[in-house]
Amino acid sequence: MKKTVNKDLILRERLALQRTILANQTTVLAFIRTAMYFFVAGLSTRNLLKIENSIVIEASFYTIAFIILVLGIVNFFKQRKMITENEKQIGDYKLDYYE
Protein backbone atom coordinates (compact mmCIF):
# COMPACT_ATOMS: atom_id res chain seq x y z
CA MET A 1 0.00 0.00 0.00
CA LYS A 2 1.51 3.29 -1.10
CA LYS A 3 1.63 6.14 1.39
CA THR A 4 -0.26 9.16 0.06
CA VAL A 5 0.77 12.72 0.83
CA ASN A 6 -1.77 15.51 1.04
CA LYS A 7 -0.19 18.06 -1.30
CA ASP A 8 -2.54 20.86 -0.24
CA LEU A 9 -1.48 20.47 3.38
CA ILE A 10 2.20 20.59 2.46
CA LEU A 11 1.68 23.71 0.37
CA ARG A 12 -0.31 25.37 3.15
CA GLU A 13 2.46 24.66 5.66
CA ARG A 14 5.13 26.04 3.33
CA LEU A 15 3.10 29.18 2.68
CA ALA A 16 2.51 29.65 6.40
CA LEU A 17 6.24 29.37 6.96
CA GLN A 18 6.92 32.00 4.29
CA ARG A 19 4.31 34.31 5.86
CA THR A 20 6.01 33.92 9.23
CA ILE A 21 9.42 34.73 7.75
CA LEU A 22 8.03 37.82 6.00
CA ALA A 23 6.29 38.95 9.18
CA ASN A 24 9.58 38.65 11.07
CA GLN A 25 11.34 40.76 8.43
CA THR A 26 8.56 43.35 8.53
CA THR A 27 8.86 43.55 12.31
CA VAL A 28 12.60 44.18 12.23
CA LEU A 29 12.09 46.88 9.60
CA ALA A 30 9.50 48.54 11.85
CA PHE A 31 12.00 48.51 14.72
CA ILE A 32 14.64 50.10 12.47
CA ARG A 33 12.17 52.73 11.27
CA THR A 34 11.21 53.63 14.84
CA ALA A 35 14.86 53.84 15.86
CA MET A 36 15.52 56.17 12.92
CA TYR A 37 12.63 58.41 14.01
CA PHE A 38 14.13 58.78 17.47
CA PHE A 39 17.57 59.39 15.96
CA VAL A 40 16.21 62.16 13.72
CA ALA A 41 14.38 63.62 16.72
CA GLY A 42 17.71 63.72 18.53
CA LEU A 43 19.37 65.44 15.59
CA SER A 44 16.71 68.11 15.31
CA THR A 45 16.32 68.80 19.04
CA ARG A 46 19.23 71.22 19.29
CA ASN A 47 18.05 73.32 16.35
CA LEU A 48 14.35 73.39 17.21
CA LEU A 49 14.48 73.79 20.98
CA LYS A 50 16.49 76.72 22.24
CA ILE A 51 16.79 75.57 25.84
CA GLU A 52 19.78 75.19 28.12
CA ASN A 53 19.85 71.43 28.47
CA SER A 54 18.95 70.41 24.95
CA ILE A 55 22.03 68.16 24.87
CA VAL A 56 20.43 65.99 27.59
CA ILE A 57 17.25 65.61 25.57
CA GLU A 58 19.31 64.92 22.46
CA ALA A 59 21.34 62.23 24.25
CA SER A 60 18.17 60.63 25.59
CA PHE A 61 16.74 60.41 22.06
CA TYR A 62 19.98 58.81 20.84
CA THR A 63 19.89 56.34 23.73
CA ILE A 64 16.28 55.41 23.07
CA ALA A 65 17.06 54.96 19.36
CA PHE A 66 20.00 52.69 20.16
CA ILE A 67 17.97 50.60 22.62
CA ILE A 68 15.11 50.17 20.13
CA LEU A 69 17.56 49.20 17.39
CA VAL A 70 19.30 46.61 19.58
CA LEU A 71 15.98 45.17 20.79
CA GLY A 72 14.75 44.88 17.21
CA ILE A 73 17.88 43.11 16.00
CA VAL A 74 17.93 40.73 18.98
CA ASN A 75 14.23 39.99 18.49
CA PHE A 76 14.79 39.32 14.78
CA PHE A 77 17.55 36.78 15.35
CA LYS A 78 15.70 35.11 18.22
CA GLN A 79 12.55 34.72 16.10
CA ARG A 80 14.56 33.55 13.09
CA LYS A 81 16.17 30.85 15.22
CA MET A 82 12.75 29.72 16.47
CA ILE A 83 11.41 29.65 12.90
CA THR A 84 14.29 27.48 11.68
CA GLU A 85 13.92 25.11 14.63
CA ASN A 86 10.18 24.73 14.00
CA GLU A 87 10.69 24.31 10.27
CA LYS A 88 12.06 20.84 11.01
CA GLN A 89 8.63 19.83 12.29
CA ILE A 90 7.10 20.46 8.89
CA GLY A 91 9.41 17.91 7.35
CA ASP A 92 10.90 17.70 3.91
CA TYR A 93 8.11 16.55 1.64
CA LYS A 94 9.54 18.05 -1.55
CA LEU A 95 10.35 14.68 -3.09
CA ASP A 96 6.91 13.30 -2.30
CA TYR A 97 5.24 16.48 -3.50
CA TYR A 98 6.86 16.50 -6.93
CA GLU A 99 6.34 12.80 -7.66
PDB file of N, CA and C in Angstrom:
ATOM      1  N   MET A   1       0.835  -1.176   0.000  1.00  0.00           N
ATOM      2  CA  MET A   1       0.000   0.000   0.000  1.00  0.00           C
ATOM      3  C   MET A   1       0.885   1.246   0.000  1.00  0.00           C
ATOM      4  N   LYS A   2       0.674   2.106  -0.959  1.00  0.00           N
ATOM      5  CA  LYS A   2       1.506   3.295  -1.096  1.00  0.00           C
ATOM      6  C   LYS A   2       1.004   4.403  -0.178  1.00  0.00           C
ATOM      7  N   LYS A   3       1.961   5.038   0.475  1.00  0.00           N
ATOM      8  CA  LYS A   3       1.628   6.143   1.389  1.00  0.00           C
ATOM      9  C   LYS A   3       1.298   7.388   0.569  1.00  0.00           C
ATOM     10  N   THR A   4       0.133   7.966   0.801  1.00  0.00           N
ATOM     11  CA  THR A   4      -0.259   9.165   0.064  1.00  0.00           C
ATOM     12  C   THR A   4       0.055  10.403   0.891  1.00  0.00           C
ATOM     13  N   VAL A   5       0.418  11.453   0.188  1.00  0.00           N
ATOM     14  CA  VAL A   5       0.765  12.717   0.826  1.00  0.00           C
ATOM     15  C   VAL A   5      -0.253  13.755   0.389  1.00  0.00           C
ATOM     16  N   ASN A   6      -0.810  14.454   1.346  1.00  0.00           N
ATOM     17  CA  ASN A   6      -1.768  15.508   1.045  1.00  0.00           C
ATOM     18  C   ASN A   6      -0.989  16.737   0.577  1.00  0.00           C
ATOM     19  N   LYS A   7      -0.998  16.980  -0.728  1.00  0.00           N
ATOM     20  CA  LYS A   7      -0.189  18.057  -1.300  1.00  0.00           C
ATOM     21  C   LYS A   7      -0.698  19.436  -0.894  1.00  0.00           C
ATOM     22  N   ASP A   8      -1.996  19.573  -0.674  1.00  0.00           N
ATOM     23  CA  ASP A   8      -2.537  20.859  -0.238  1.00  0.00           C
ATOM     24  C   ASP A   8      -2.044  21.222   1.157  1.00  0.00           C
ATOM     25  N   LEU A   9      -1.957  20.235   2.025  1.00  0.00           N
ATOM     26  CA  LEU A   9      -1.484  20.471   3.384  1.00  0.00           C
ATOM     27  C   LEU A   9      -0.020  20.891   3.384  1.00  0.00           C
ATOM     28  N   ILE A  10       0.779  20.244   2.547  1.00  0.00           N
ATOM     29  CA  ILE A  10       2.195  20.589   2.459  1.00  0.00           C
ATOM     30  C   ILE A  10       2.348  22.016   1.954  1.00  0.00           C
ATOM     31  N   LEU A  11       1.612  22.359   0.921  1.00  0.00           N
ATOM     32  CA  LEU A  11       1.682  23.706   0.366  1.00  0.00           C
ATOM     33  C   LEU A  11       1.239  24.739   1.389  1.00  0.00           C
ATOM     34  N   ARG A  12       0.185  24.444   2.133  1.00  0.00           N
ATOM     35  CA  ARG A  12      -0.311  25.370   3.148  1.00  0.00           C
ATOM     36  C   ARG A  12       0.739  25.595   4.236  1.00  0.00           C
ATOM     37  N   GLU A  13       1.426  24.525   4.633  1.00  0.00           N
ATOM     38  CA  GLU A  13       2.459  24.660   5.659  1.00  0.00           C
ATOM     39  C   GLU A  13       3.636  25.476   5.150  1.00  0.00           C
ATOM     40  N   ARG A  14       4.020  25.259   3.909  1.00  0.00           N
ATOM     41  CA  ARG A  14       5.129  26.036   3.328  1.00  0.00           C
ATOM     42  C   ARG A  14       4.756  27.517   3.215  1.00  0.00           C
ATOM     43  N   LEU A  15       3.537  27.788   2.791  1.00  0.00           N
ATOM     44  CA  LEU A  15       3.101  29.180   2.678  1.00  0.00           C
ATOM     45  C   LEU A  15       3.003  29.846   4.047  1.00  0.00           C
ATOM     46  N   ALA A  16       2.564  29.102   5.043  1.00  0.00           N
ATOM     47  CA  ALA A  16       2.508  29.646   6.404  1.00  0.00           C
ATOM     48  C   ALA A  16       3.907  29.960   6.907  1.00  0.00           C
ATOM     49  N   LEU A  17       4.857  29.118   6.569  1.00  0.00           N
ATOM     50  CA  LEU A  17       6.243  29.369   6.957  1.00  0.00           C
ATOM     51  C   LEU A  17       6.778  30.627   6.278  1.00  0.00           C
ATOM     52  N   GLN A  18       6.479  30.801   4.998  1.00  0.00           N
ATOM     53  CA  GLN A  18       6.915  32.001   4.288  1.00  0.00           C
ATOM     54  C   GLN A  18       6.266  33.258   4.865  1.00  0.00           C
ATOM     55  N   ARG A  19       4.989  33.171   5.229  1.00  0.00           N
ATOM     56  CA  ARG A  19       4.314  34.315   5.857  1.00  0.00           C
ATOM     57  C   ARG A  19       4.974  34.675   7.175  1.00  0.00           C
ATOM     58  N   THR A  20       5.365  33.670   7.944  1.00  0.00           N
ATOM     59  CA  THR A  20       6.011  33.920   9.225  1.00  0.00           C
ATOM     60  C   THR A  20       7.367  34.581   9.028  1.00  0.00           C
ATOM     61  N   ILE A  21       8.116  34.131   8.037  1.00  0.00           N
ATOM     62  CA  ILE A  21       9.420  34.733   7.747  1.00  0.00           C
ATOM     63  C   ILE A  21       9.245  36.185   7.315  1.00  0.00           C
ATOM     64  N   LEU A  22       8.278  36.443   6.450  1.00  0.00           N
ATOM     65  CA  LEU A  22       8.032  37.818   5.997  1.00  0.00           C
ATOM     66  C   LEU A  22       7.552  38.708   7.138  1.00  0.00           C
ATOM     67  N   ALA A  23       6.750  38.167   8.032  1.00  0.00           N
ATOM     68  CA  ALA A  23       6.292  38.949   9.185  1.00  0.00           C
ATOM     69  C   ALA A  23       7.460  39.297  10.097  1.00  0.00           C
ATOM     70  N   ASN A  24       8.398  38.376  10.251  1.00  0.00           N
ATOM     71  CA  ASN A  24       9.577  38.649  11.068  1.00  0.00           C
ATOM     72  C   ASN A  24      10.421  39.753  10.434  1.00  0.00           C
ATOM     73  N   GLN A  25      10.584  39.717   9.121  1.00  0.00           N
ATOM     74  CA  GLN A  25      11.342  40.759   8.433  1.00  0.00           C
ATOM     75  C   GLN A  25      10.639  42.107   8.525  1.00  0.00           C
ATOM     76  N   THR A  26       9.324  42.105   8.406  1.00  0.00           N
ATOM     77  CA  THR A  26       8.563  43.348   8.531  1.00  0.00           C
ATOM     78  C   THR A  26       8.706  43.941   9.924  1.00  0.00           C
ATOM     79  N   THR A  27       8.720  43.080  10.934  1.00  0.00           N
ATOM     80  CA  THR A  27       8.855  43.551  12.311  1.00  0.00           C
ATOM     81  C   THR A  27      10.209  44.197  12.540  1.00  0.00           C
ATOM     82  N   VAL A  28      11.279  43.586  12.027  1.00  0.00           N
ATOM     83  CA  VAL A  28      12.600  44.182  12.226  1.00  0.00           C
ATOM     84  C   VAL A  28      12.711  45.510  11.473  1.00  0.00           C
ATOM     85  N   LEU A  29      12.080  45.608  10.319  1.00  0.00           N
ATOM     86  CA  LEU A  29      12.090  46.883   9.599  1.00  0.00           C
ATOM     87  C   LEU A  29      11.314  47.957  10.357  1.00  0.00           C
ATOM     88  N   ALA A  30      10.253  47.579  11.032  1.00  0.00           N
ATOM     89  CA  ALA A  30       9.503  48.536  11.853  1.00  0.00           C
ATOM     90  C   ALA A  30      10.342  49.016  13.033  1.00  0.00           C
ATOM     91  N   PHE A  31      11.095  48.108  13.643  1.00  0.00           N
ATOM     92  CA  PHE A  31      11.995  48.513  14.724  1.00  0.00           C
ATOM     93  C   PHE A  31      13.051  49.490  14.210  1.00  0.00           C
ATOM     94  N   ILE A  32      13.617  49.210  13.040  1.00  0.00           N
ATOM     95  CA  ILE A  32      14.640  50.097  12.466  1.00  0.00           C
ATOM     96  C   ILE A  32      14.040  51.458  12.147  1.00  0.00           C
ATOM     97  N   ARG A  33      12.837  51.465  11.589  1.00  0.00           N
ATOM     98  CA  ARG A  33      12.172  52.734  11.266  1.00  0.00           C
ATOM     99  C   ARG A  33      11.926  53.561  12.527  1.00  0.00           C
ATOM    100  N   THR A  34      11.463  52.924  13.590  1.00  0.00           N
ATOM    101  CA  THR A  34      11.211  53.633  14.842  1.00  0.00           C
ATOM    102  C   THR A  34      12.504  54.170  15.435  1.00  0.00           C
ATOM    103  N   ALA A  35      13.567  53.380  15.359  1.00  0.00           N
ATOM    104  CA  ALA A  35      14.863  53.844  15.859  1.00  0.00           C
ATOM    105  C   ALA A  35      15.349  55.046  15.055  1.00  0.00           C
ATOM    106  N   MET A  36      15.111  55.028  13.752  1.00  0.00           N
ATOM    107  CA  MET A  36      15.516  56.172  12.924  1.00  0.00           C
ATOM    108  C   MET A  36      14.720  57.423  13.281  1.00  0.00           C
ATOM    109  N   TYR A  37      13.435  57.262  13.599  1.00  0.00           N
ATOM    110  CA  TYR A  37      12.626  58.410  14.013  1.00  0.00           C
ATOM    111  C   TYR A  37      13.200  59.056  15.272  1.00  0.00           C
ATOM    112  N   PHE A  38      13.557  58.230  16.246  1.00  0.00           N
ATOM    113  CA  PHE A  38      14.131  58.776  17.469  1.00  0.00           C
ATOM    114  C   PHE A  38      15.498  59.402  17.203  1.00  0.00           C
ATOM    115  N   PHE A  39      16.268  58.818  16.299  1.00  0.00           N
ATOM    116  CA  PHE A  39      17.569  59.387  15.962  1.00  0.00           C
ATOM    117  C   PHE A  39      17.413  60.757  15.300  1.00  0.00           C
ATOM    118  N   VAL A  40      16.470  60.877  14.382  1.00  0.00           N
ATOM    119  CA  VAL A  40      16.211  62.165  13.723  1.00  0.00           C
ATOM    120  C   VAL A  40      15.677  63.177  14.727  1.00  0.00           C
ATOM    121  N   ALA A  41      14.865  62.722  15.665  1.00  0.00           N
ATOM    122  CA  ALA A  41      14.376  63.621  16.716  1.00  0.00           C
ATOM    123  C   ALA A  41      15.544  64.137  17.543  1.00  0.00           C
ATOM    124  N   GLY A  42      16.520  63.277  17.808  1.00  0.00           N
ATOM    125  CA  GLY A  42      17.707  63.718  18.533  1.00  0.00           C
ATOM    126  C   GLY A  42      18.527  64.711  17.735  1.00  0.00           C
ATOM    127  N   LEU A  43      18.615  64.509  16.433  1.00  0.00           N
ATOM    128  CA  LEU A  43      19.366  65.441  15.590  1.00  0.00           C
ATOM    129  C   LEU A  43      18.710  66.816  15.533  1.00  0.00           C
ATOM    130  N   SER A  44      17.409  66.840  15.487  1.00  0.00           N
ATOM    131  CA  SER A  44      16.712  68.114  15.311  1.00  0.00           C
ATOM    132  C   SER A  44      16.407  68.827  16.628  1.00  0.00           C
ATOM    133  N   THR A  45      16.662  68.197  17.752  1.00  0.00           N
ATOM    134  CA  THR A  45      16.325  68.803  19.040  1.00  0.00           C
ATOM    135  C   THR A  45      17.113  70.084  19.286  1.00  0.00           C
ATOM    136  N   ARG A  46      18.386  70.056  19.009  1.00  0.00           N
ATOM    137  CA  ARG A  46      19.231  71.216  19.294  1.00  0.00           C
ATOM    138  C   ARG A  46      18.824  72.427  18.451  1.00  0.00           C
ATOM    139  N   ASN A  47      18.416  72.206  17.221  1.00  0.00           N
ATOM    140  CA  ASN A  47      18.049  73.319  16.345  1.00  0.00           C
ATOM    141  C   ASN A  47      16.642  73.842  16.620  1.00  0.00           C
ATOM    142  N   LEU A  48      15.733  72.960  17.008  1.00  0.00           N
ATOM    143  CA  LEU A  48      14.354  73.386  17.210  1.00  0.00           C
ATOM    144  C   LEU A  48      14.107  73.955  18.601  1.00  0.00           C
ATOM    145  N   LEU A  49      14.701  73.351  19.603  1.00  0.00           N
ATOM    146  CA  LEU A  49      14.481  73.792  20.977  1.00  0.00           C
ATOM    147  C   LEU A  49      15.670  74.622  21.445  1.00  0.00           C
ATOM    148  N   LYS A  50      15.422  75.840  21.750  1.00  0.00           N
ATOM    149  CA  LYS A  50      16.491  76.721  22.245  1.00  0.00           C
ATOM    150  C   LYS A  50      16.431  76.759  23.766  1.00  0.00           C
ATOM    151  N   ILE A  51      16.764  75.631  24.382  1.00  0.00           N
ATOM    152  CA  ILE A  51      16.789  75.569  25.839  1.00  0.00           C
ATOM    153  C   ILE A  51      18.196  75.208  26.291  1.00  0.00           C
ATOM    154  N   GLU A  52      18.432  75.381  27.591  1.00  0.00           N
ATOM    155  CA  GLU A  52      19.777  75.194  28.122  1.00  0.00           C
ATOM    156  C   GLU A  52      20.256  73.751  28.017  1.00  0.00           C
ATOM    157  N   ASN A  53      19.429  72.824  28.406  1.00  0.00           N
ATOM    158  CA  ASN A  53      19.848  71.426  28.474  1.00  0.00           C
ATOM    159  C   ASN A  53      19.335  70.606  27.288  1.00  0.00           C
ATOM    160  N   SER A  54      19.422  71.163  26.112  1.00  0.00           N
ATOM    161  CA  SER A  54      18.951  70.407  24.947  1.00  0.00           C
ATOM    162  C   SER A  54      19.862  69.220  24.646  1.00  0.00           C
ATOM    163  N   ILE A  55      21.109  69.275  25.100  1.00  0.00           N
ATOM    164  CA  ILE A  55      22.027  68.156  24.875  1.00  0.00           C
ATOM    165  C   ILE A  55      21.569  66.911  25.643  1.00  0.00           C
ATOM    166  N   VAL A  56      20.944  67.117  26.809  1.00  0.00           N
ATOM    167  CA  VAL A  56      20.433  65.986  27.595  1.00  0.00           C
ATOM    168  C   VAL A  56      19.265  65.329  26.862  1.00  0.00           C
ATOM    169  N   ILE A  57      18.384  66.145  26.331  1.00  0.00           N
ATOM    170  CA  ILE A  57      17.248  65.608  25.569  1.00  0.00           C
ATOM    171  C   ILE A  57      17.749  64.907  24.309  1.00  0.00           C
ATOM    172  N   GLU A  58      18.732  65.512  23.666  1.00  0.00           N
ATOM    173  CA  GLU A  58      19.312  64.919  22.464  1.00  0.00           C
ATOM    174  C   GLU A  58      19.949  63.558  22.772  1.00  0.00           C
ATOM    175  N   ALA A  59      20.699  63.495  23.854  1.00  0.00           N
ATOM    176  CA  ALA A  59      21.338  62.233  24.250  1.00  0.00           C
ATOM    177  C   ALA A  59      20.299  61.178  24.620  1.00  0.00           C
ATOM    178  N   SER A  60      19.208  61.612  25.239  1.00  0.00           N
ATOM    179  CA  SER A  60      18.170  60.633  25.589  1.00  0.00           C
ATOM    180  C   SER A  60      17.499  60.074  24.334  1.00  0.00           C
ATOM    181  N   PHE A  61      17.292  60.913  23.325  1.00  0.00           N
ATOM    182  CA  PHE A  61      16.736  60.411  22.064  1.00  0.00           C
ATOM    183  C   PHE A  61      17.691  59.421  21.399  1.00  0.00           C
ATOM    184  N   TYR A  62      18.986  59.729  21.413  1.00  0.00           N
ATOM    185  CA  TYR A  62      19.976  58.808  20.843  1.00  0.00           C
ATOM    186  C   TYR A  62      19.994  57.483  21.599  1.00  0.00           C
ATOM    187  N   THR A  63      19.893  57.560  22.921  1.00  0.00           N
ATOM    188  CA  THR A  63      19.895  56.343  23.734  1.00  0.00           C
ATOM    189  C   THR A  63      18.665  55.491  23.452  1.00  0.00           C
ATOM    190  N   ILE A  64      17.511  56.140  23.374  1.00  0.00           N
ATOM    191  CA  ILE A  64      16.276  55.410  23.071  1.00  0.00           C
ATOM    192  C   ILE A  64      16.364  54.767  21.688  1.00  0.00           C
ATOM    193  N   ALA A  65      16.915  55.508  20.714  1.00  0.00           N
ATOM    194  CA  ALA A  65      17.062  54.964  19.360  1.00  0.00           C
ATOM    195  C   ALA A  65      17.972  53.743  19.361  1.00  0.00           C
ATOM    196  N   PHE A  66      19.067  53.819  20.098  1.00  0.00           N
ATOM    197  CA  PHE A  66      19.999  52.692  20.158  1.00  0.00           C
ATOM    198  C   PHE A  66      19.359  51.477  20.823  1.00  0.00           C
ATOM    199  N   ILE A  67      18.627  51.709  21.910  1.00  0.00           N
ATOM    200  CA  ILE A  67      17.969  50.599  22.616  1.00  0.00           C
ATOM    201  C   ILE A  67      16.924  49.934  21.722  1.00  0.00           C
ATOM    202  N   ILE A  68      16.135  50.731  21.024  1.00  0.00           N
ATOM    203  CA  ILE A  68      15.113  50.175  20.129  1.00  0.00           C
ATOM    204  C   ILE A  68      15.765  49.378  19.002  1.00  0.00           C
ATOM    205  N   LEU A  69      16.859  49.897  18.461  1.00  0.00           N
ATOM    206  CA  LEU A  69      17.559  49.197  17.390  1.00  0.00           C
ATOM    207  C   LEU A  69      18.112  47.856  17.868  1.00  0.00           C
ATOM    208  N   VAL A  70      18.737  47.858  19.036  1.00  0.00           N
ATOM    209  CA  VAL A  70      19.299  46.613  19.577  1.00  0.00           C
ATOM    210  C   VAL A  70      18.193  45.609  19.884  1.00  0.00           C
ATOM    211  N   LEU A  71      17.105  46.072  20.493  1.00  0.00           N
ATOM    212  CA  LEU A  71      15.985  45.172  20.791  1.00  0.00           C
ATOM    213  C   LEU A  71      15.395  44.568  19.512  1.00  0.00           C
ATOM    214  N   GLY A  72      15.285  45.378  18.476  1.00  0.00           N
ATOM    215  CA  GLY A  72      14.748  44.882  17.211  1.00  0.00           C
ATOM    216  C   GLY A  72      15.638  43.832  16.574  1.00  0.00           C
ATOM    217  N   ILE A  73      16.945  44.067  16.601  1.00  0.00           N
ATOM    218  CA  ILE A  73      17.877  43.108  16.005  1.00  0.00           C
ATOM    219  C   ILE A  73      17.910  41.812  16.806  1.00  0.00           C
ATOM    220  N   VAL A  74      17.943  41.934  18.135  1.00  0.00           N
ATOM    221  CA  VAL A  74      17.935  40.733  18.983  1.00  0.00           C
ATOM    222  C   VAL A  74      16.643  39.946  18.774  1.00  0.00           C
ATOM    223  N   ASN A  75      15.523  40.648  18.716  1.00  0.00           N
ATOM    224  CA  ASN A  75      14.230  39.994  18.490  1.00  0.00           C
ATOM    225  C   ASN A  75      14.210  39.279  17.138  1.00  0.00           C
ATOM    226  N   PHE A  76      14.766  39.921  16.117  1.00  0.00           N
ATOM    227  CA  PHE A  76      14.794  39.321  14.783  1.00  0.00           C
ATOM    228  C   PHE A  76      15.553  38.002  14.783  1.00  0.00           C
ATOM    229  N   PHE A  77      16.755  38.000  15.367  1.00  0.00           N
ATOM    230  CA  PHE A  77      17.554  36.778  15.353  1.00  0.00           C
ATOM    231  C   PHE A  77      16.962  35.691  16.244  1.00  0.00           C
ATOM    232  N   LYS A  78      16.339  36.092  17.346  1.00  0.00           N
ATOM    233  CA  LYS A  78      15.695  35.111  18.216  1.00  0.00           C
ATOM    234  C   LYS A  78      14.517  34.451  17.500  1.00  0.00           C
ATOM    235  N   GLN A  79      13.698  35.262  16.835  1.00  0.00           N
ATOM    236  CA  GLN A  79      12.552  34.716  16.105  1.00  0.00           C
ATOM    237  C   GLN A  79      13.001  33.873  14.916  1.00  0.00           C
ATOM    238  N   ARG A  80      14.063  34.317  14.236  1.00  0.00           N
ATOM    239  CA  ARG A  80      14.561  33.550  13.092  1.00  0.00           C
ATOM    240  C   ARG A  80      15.057  32.176  13.529  1.00  0.00           C
ATOM    241  N   LYS A  81      15.710  32.135  14.694  1.00  0.00           N
ATOM    242  CA  LYS A  81      16.173  30.854  15.224  1.00  0.00           C
ATOM    243  C   LYS A  81      14.986  29.948  15.550  1.00  0.00           C
ATOM    244  N   MET A  82      13.944  30.518  16.151  1.00  0.00           N
ATOM    245  CA  MET A  82      12.752  29.720  16.467  1.00  0.00           C
ATOM    246  C   MET A  82      12.062  29.218  15.195  1.00  0.00           C
ATOM    247  N   ILE A  83      12.037  30.048  14.159  1.00  0.00           N
ATOM    248  CA  ILE A  83      11.411  29.647  12.898  1.00  0.00           C
ATOM    249  C   ILE A  83      12.181  28.484  12.279  1.00  0.00           C
ATOM    250  N   THR A  84      13.510  28.570  12.275  1.00  0.00           N
ATOM    251  CA  THR A  84      14.295  27.480  11.683  1.00  0.00           C
ATOM    252  C   THR A  84      14.178  26.200  12.488  1.00  0.00           C
ATOM    253  N   GLU A  85      14.084  26.320  13.811  1.00  0.00           N
ATOM    254  CA  GLU A  85      13.917  25.114  14.625  1.00  0.00           C
ATOM    255  C   GLU A  85      12.553  24.469  14.387  1.00  0.00           C
ATOM    256  N   ASN A  86      11.526  25.277  14.223  1.00  0.00           N
ATOM    257  CA  ASN A  86      10.182  24.732  14.005  1.00  0.00           C
ATOM    258  C   ASN A  86       9.954  24.291  12.565  1.00  0.00           C
ATOM    259  N   GLU A  87      10.815  24.739  11.661  1.00  0.00           N
ATOM    260  CA  GLU A  87      10.695  24.313  10.267  1.00  0.00           C
ATOM    261  C   GLU A  87      10.958  22.813  10.148  1.00  0.00           C
ATOM    262  N   LYS A  88      11.757  22.274  11.036  1.00  0.00           N
ATOM    263  CA  LYS A  88      12.060  20.840  11.009  1.00  0.00           C
ATOM    264  C   LYS A  88      10.810  20.008  11.273  1.00  0.00           C
ATOM    265  N   GLN A  89       9.854  20.565  11.994  1.00  0.00           N
ATOM    266  CA  GLN A  89       8.628  19.827  12.292  1.00  0.00           C
ATOM    267  C   GLN A  89       7.745  19.657  11.062  1.00  0.00           C
ATOM    268  N   ILE A  90       7.890  20.564  10.112  1.00  0.00           N
ATOM    269  CA  ILE A  90       7.098  20.463   8.886  1.00  0.00           C
ATOM    270  C   ILE A  90       7.570  19.266   8.073  1.00  0.00           C
ATOM    271  N   GLY A  91       8.861  19.037   8.097  1.00  0.00           N
ATOM    272  CA  GLY A  91       9.409  17.910   7.352  1.00  0.00           C
ATOM    273  C   GLY A  91       9.773  18.309   5.942  1.00  0.00           C
ATOM    274  N   ASP A  92      10.485  17.434   5.284  1.00  0.00           N
ATOM    275  CA  ASP A  92      10.903  17.697   3.914  1.00  0.00           C
ATOM    276  C   ASP A  92      10.099  16.797   2.985  1.00  0.00           C
ATOM    277  N   TYR A  93       8.998  17.320   2.502  1.00  0.00           N
ATOM    278  CA  TYR A  93       8.110  16.552   1.642  1.00  0.00           C
ATOM    279  C   TYR A  93       8.296  16.909   0.168  1.00  0.00           C
ATOM    280  N   LYS A  94       9.379  17.595  -0.168  1.00  0.00           N
ATOM    281  CA  LYS A  94       9.537  18.054  -1.546  1.00  0.00           C
ATOM    282  C   LYS A  94       9.567  16.877  -2.522  1.00  0.00           C
ATOM    283  N   LEU A  95      10.270  15.827  -2.179  1.00  0.00           N
ATOM    284  CA  LEU A  95      10.346  14.684  -3.088  1.00  0.00           C
ATOM    285  C   LEU A  95       8.982  14.040  -3.276  1.00  0.00           C
ATOM    286  N   ASP A  96       8.247  13.888  -2.192  1.00  0.00           N
ATOM    287  CA  ASP A  96       6.911  13.301  -2.296  1.00  0.00           C
ATOM    288  C   ASP A  96       5.955  14.222  -3.037  1.00  0.00           C
ATOM    289  N   TYR A  97       6.155  15.525  -2.887  1.00  0.00           N
ATOM    290  CA  TYR A  97       5.241  16.481  -3.502  1.00  0.00           C
ATOM    291  C   TYR A  97       5.394  16.493  -5.022  1.00  0.00           C
ATOM    292  N   TYR A  98       6.626  16.393  -5.491  1.00  0.00           N
ATOM    293  CA  TYR A  98       6.859  16.505  -6.926  1.00  0.00           C
ATOM    294  C   TYR A  98       6.740  15.175  -7.669  1.00  0.00           C
ATOM    295  N   GLU A  99       6.484  14.091  -6.966  1.00  0.00           N
ATOM    296  CA  GLU A  99       6.337  12.798  -7.656  1.00  0.00           C
ATOM    297  C   GLU A  99       4.987  12.669  -8.305  1.00  0.00           C
TER     298      GLU A  99
END
